[in-house]
């Protein structure tokens, strides 16, 4: 059969209606079958289950022991802290009681000493006066004169002792005994041109009491600042 092409038509190359090898779609890949799951026997399953239960029990027991130990430790620390606080309070109370007891004992001893001193002065009112005068005469033996003032009740007795005291101490001057209506027995005042000594038992007692009071007040302040 012959086909006549019209005039002016372009001749086209004949192509077969087929695809090239590159255009051919690849065949769908075949899906692989899943691997079979491993199978174990019932005995092995029970054995593994028992081991897992044992491990879980051991882990739980260890955690429980640890928690219990921490709880006991916290309780012990709390109890120790409370015990420490109670001990501190008890020690503070004990220290306060000891200071008060010590202060009472010192006051009592001082009171006893005052009473003994009063009894001794009543028995020998010039004992301390003579001792004090004897201590002054030796270092002051070159002094021209010494004046000693004592209570009026003791003037006569002291005048009778002056001569022996002057002789014993090699005192070169004169000793004048003067009576006083305001002095308490046991007190005296010794004067010389460059100085003098006063024995006043009342002021001495006041100074001792003040020293004791200052001592305990200082200890109280020190204990508060610690």
Foldseek 3Di string as FASTA:
>chain_A
DDDDDDPPDDDDDDDDPDDDPVPDDDDDDDDDDDDDDDDDDPVVVVVVVVVVVVVVVVVVVVVVVVVVVVVVVVVVVVVVVVVVVVVVVVVVVVVVVVLVVVLVVVVVVLVVVVVVVVVVCVVPLCPVVLVVVLVPQQVQLVAAEKEKEFAPVCQVVVVVVVVVSCVVNVRNHYYHYHHDNPADRNWMKMDGPPGIDTGHPVVVSVVVVVVSVVVSVVVVVVVVVD
